């Protein structure tokens, strides 16, 4: 689905916006990690991705889901 250069372009064009979304909830270091983790998941699962609206919407939802996953893991970690 992606060429390396196409994926890099998608990353570079969307990273700042996605970072700002995550930064509203977490610190800078974690925000960078969450955005990068989201893109790794997209790269790894690119053959199964089905875009129903736009890349912008898809990426926003994907990074939001990664934030939720991170928060849940942290809550579980803190409880033990």
Protein backbone atom coordinates (compact mmCIF):
# COMPACT_ATOMS: atom_id res chain seq x y z
CA UNK A 1 0.00 0.00 0.00
CA UNK A 2 2.71 2.50 0.99
CA UNK A 3 6.02 3.24 -0.56
CA UNK A 4 8.68 4.27 1.92
CA UNK A 5 8.66 7.84 0.59
CA UNK A 6 4.86 8.00 0.63
CA UNK A 7 4.77 6.85 4.23
CA UNK A 8 7.45 9.36 5.22
CA UNK A 9 5.41 12.11 3.57
CA UNK A 10 2.27 11.04 5.45
CA UNK A 11 4.26 11.06 8.70
CA UNK A 12 5.89 14.47 8.13
CA UNK A 13 2.64 16.13 7.07
CA UNK A 14 0.60 14.80 9.99
CA UNK A 15 3.06 14.49 12.86
CA UNK A 16 2.76 18.11 14.12
CA UNK A 17 -1.05 18.00 14.26
CA UNK A 18 -1.14 14.58 15.90
CA UNK A 19 1.54 15.59 18.38
CA UNK A 20 -0.58 18.59 19.45
CA UNK A 21 -3.59 16.33 19.98
CA UNK A 22 -1.63 13.95 22.20
CA UNK A 23 0.23 16.79 23.95
CA UNK A 24 -3.08 18.02 25.32
CA UNK A 25 -3.15 14.88 27.50
CA UNK A 26 0.46 13.76 28.03
CA UNK A 27 3.96 15.23 28.33
CA UNK A 28 6.26 15.80 25.34
CA UNK A 29 8.27 12.58 25.65
CA UNK A 30 5.21 10.36 25.89
CA UNK A 31 3.43 12.36 23.18
CA UNK A 32 6.23 11.69 20.72
CA UNK A 33 6.25 8.01 21.66
CA UNK A 34 2.47 7.70 21.19
CA UNK A 35 2.47 9.37 17.77
CA UNK A 36 5.40 7.26 16.60
CA UNK A 37 3.80 4.08 17.96
CA UNK A 38 0.64 4.94 16.03
CA UNK A 39 2.59 5.23 12.78
CA UNK A 40 4.42 1.96 13.44
CA UNK A 41 1.06 0.22 13.88
CA UNK A 42 -0.16 1.75 10.63
CA UNK A 43 2.97 0.62 8.79
CA UNK A 44 2.70 -2.90 10.22
CA UNK A 45 -1.01 -3.20 9.36
CA UNK A 46 -1.12 -1.24 6.12
CA UNK A 47 -2.57 -4.12 4.11
CA UNK A 48 -5.59 -4.35 6.42
CA UNK A 49 -6.38 -0.63 6.71
CA UNK A 50 -9.64 0.53 5.17
CA UNK A 51 -10.09 4.30 4.99
CA UNK A 52 -13.78 5.21 5.08
CA UNK A 53 -13.42 8.99 5.24
CA UNK A 54 -9.99 10.62 5.00
CA UNK A 55 -6.44 10.00 6.16
CA UNK A 56 -6.77 12.96 8.50
CA UNK A 57 -9.80 11.43 10.21
CA UNK A 58 -8.23 7.98 10.28
CA UNK A 59 -4.99 9.23 11.83
CA UNK A 60 -6.84 11.30 14.42
CA UNK A 61 -8.86 8.27 15.49
CA UNK A 62 -5.79 6.02 15.46
CA UNK A 63 -3.74 8.35 17.66
CA UNK A 64 -6.71 8.81 20.01
CA UNK A 65 -7.02 5.03 20.35
CA UNK A 66 -3.29 4.75 21.08
CA UNK A 67 -3.70 7.39 23.80
CA UNK A 68 -6.52 5.40 25.36
CA UNK A 69 -4.45 2.20 25.22
CA UNK A 70 -1.52 3.97 26.86
CA UNK A 71 -3.70 5.44 29.60
CA UNK A 72 -5.26 2.05 30.38
CA UNK A 73 -1.85 0.39 30.57
CA UNK A 74 -0.60 3.10 32.92
CA UNK A 75 -3.65 2.74 35.17
CA UNK A 76 -3.17 -1.02 35.33
CA UNK A 77 0.53 -0.56 36.08
CA UNK A 78 -0.24 1.91 38.88
CA UNK A 79 -2.77 -0.46 40.43
CA UNK A 80 -0.19 -3.22 40.78
